[in-house]
Amino acid sequence: MNEPEERRQHPRRVCSPENGATLRINKVDYQVVDISEGGLRFVNNGKMKLTGWVSGRLTVGNRRPIDIDGIIVRNRENEIGIHLVTSLERGV
């Protein structure tokens, strides 16, 4: 059986709850599942219906928060994927 082709352009970093990666959109905090230079994925838990363009603030651990803008490209099984307008720096 063939593996599906990997379409990601940037390697992703899996985030654990211990590292404290969160995304704040409209005063609601979401747990980030993984991050890459071009996007991120987070858990929605049905807190809010999110579609289209979003702006928020990404915080990873004790680093300074980063303002992000992007478009929702995936919304499946309580996980939402965002393609970022501006790439994140490596190591975020």
Protein backbone atom coordinates (compact mmCIF):
# COMPACT_ATOMS: atom_id res chain seq x y z
CA MET A 1 0.00 0.00 0.00
CA ASN A 2 1.41 3.41 -0.96
CA GLU A 3 1.91 6.15 1.62
CA PRO A 4 0.14 9.45 0.86
CA GLU A 5 2.45 12.08 -0.56
CA GLU A 6 3.69 14.64 1.98
CA ARG A 7 2.46 18.07 0.88
CA ARG A 8 4.02 20.16 3.64
CA GLN A 9 6.75 22.56 2.55
CA HIS A 10 8.12 23.09 6.07
CA PRO A 11 8.95 20.59 8.81
CA ARG A 12 6.59 20.76 11.75
CA ARG A 13 7.30 20.70 15.46
CA VAL A 14 4.88 18.78 17.65
CA CYS A 15 3.83 20.76 20.72
CA SER A 16 3.01 19.15 24.03
CA PRO A 17 0.80 20.70 26.69
CA GLU A 18 3.92 20.99 28.87
CA ASN A 19 5.58 23.53 26.55
CA GLY A 20 2.62 25.87 26.90
CA ALA A 21 2.06 26.62 23.21
CA THR A 22 -1.25 28.48 22.93
CA LEU A 23 -3.06 30.51 20.31
CA ARG A 24 -5.39 33.28 21.44
CA ILE A 25 -8.20 34.26 19.04
CA ASN A 26 -10.99 36.60 20.16
CA LYS A 27 -10.00 36.29 23.85
CA VAL A 28 -10.17 32.46 23.72
CA ASP A 29 -7.02 30.33 24.24
CA TYR A 30 -6.49 27.18 22.18
CA GLN A 31 -3.88 24.44 22.70
CA VAL A 32 -1.46 24.27 19.75
CA VAL A 33 -0.81 20.73 18.46
CA ASP A 34 2.02 21.50 16.02
CA ILE A 35 3.80 24.44 14.40
CA SER A 36 5.79 24.95 11.21
CA GLU A 37 7.15 28.02 9.46
CA GLY A 38 4.07 28.14 7.24
CA GLY A 39 1.25 27.21 9.60
CA LEU A 40 -0.04 25.61 12.74
CA ARG A 41 -2.68 23.23 14.01
CA PHE A 42 -4.68 23.64 17.22
CA VAL A 43 -7.49 21.99 19.20
CA ASN A 44 -10.87 23.74 19.02
CA ASN A 45 -12.92 21.58 21.45
CA GLY A 46 -16.06 23.18 20.02
CA LYS A 47 -15.37 26.47 21.77
CA MET A 48 -16.03 28.57 18.70
CA LYS A 49 -17.00 28.27 15.05
CA LEU A 50 -13.94 29.43 13.13
CA THR A 51 -13.78 29.87 9.36
CA GLY A 52 -11.94 32.04 6.83
CA TRP A 53 -9.31 34.55 7.87
CA VAL A 54 -8.22 34.75 11.51
CA SER A 55 -5.87 36.92 13.55
CA GLY A 56 -4.46 35.89 16.88
CA ARG A 57 -1.51 35.79 19.21
CA LEU A 58 0.78 32.74 19.43
CA THR A 59 2.68 32.08 22.65
CA VAL A 60 5.23 29.29 22.90
CA GLY A 61 6.57 28.60 26.39
CA ASN A 62 7.96 31.71 28.02
CA ARG A 63 8.85 33.42 24.72
CA ARG A 64 7.42 36.76 23.68
CA PRO A 65 3.97 36.37 22.01
CA ILE A 66 3.80 36.65 18.21
CA ASP A 67 0.86 38.20 16.36
CA ILE A 68 -0.29 35.95 13.51
CA ASP A 69 -2.68 36.23 10.57
CA GLY A 70 -3.80 33.33 8.46
CA ILE A 71 -6.56 31.42 6.76
CA ILE A 72 -8.18 28.27 8.05
CA VAL A 73 -7.38 25.48 5.60
CA ARG A 74 -8.58 22.48 7.62
CA ASN A 75 -11.29 21.96 10.24
CA ARG A 76 -11.57 18.28 11.17
CA GLU A 77 -12.36 16.36 14.34
CA ASN A 78 -11.91 19.37 16.66
CA GLU A 79 -8.55 20.30 15.10
CA ILE A 80 -8.08 23.38 12.97
CA GLY A 81 -5.20 23.99 10.57
CA ILE A 82 -4.12 27.52 9.67
CA HIS A 83 -1.91 28.59 6.76
CA LEU A 84 -0.05 31.71 7.92
CA VAL A 85 0.20 34.86 5.80
CA THR A 86 3.70 35.57 7.15
CA SER A 87 6.04 32.66 7.88
CA LEU A 88 7.23 32.08 11.43
CA GLU A 89 10.92 32.11 12.21
CA ARG A 90 12.67 28.78 12.48
CA GLY A 91 12.89 27.58 16.05
CA VAL A 92 9.56 29.01 17.17
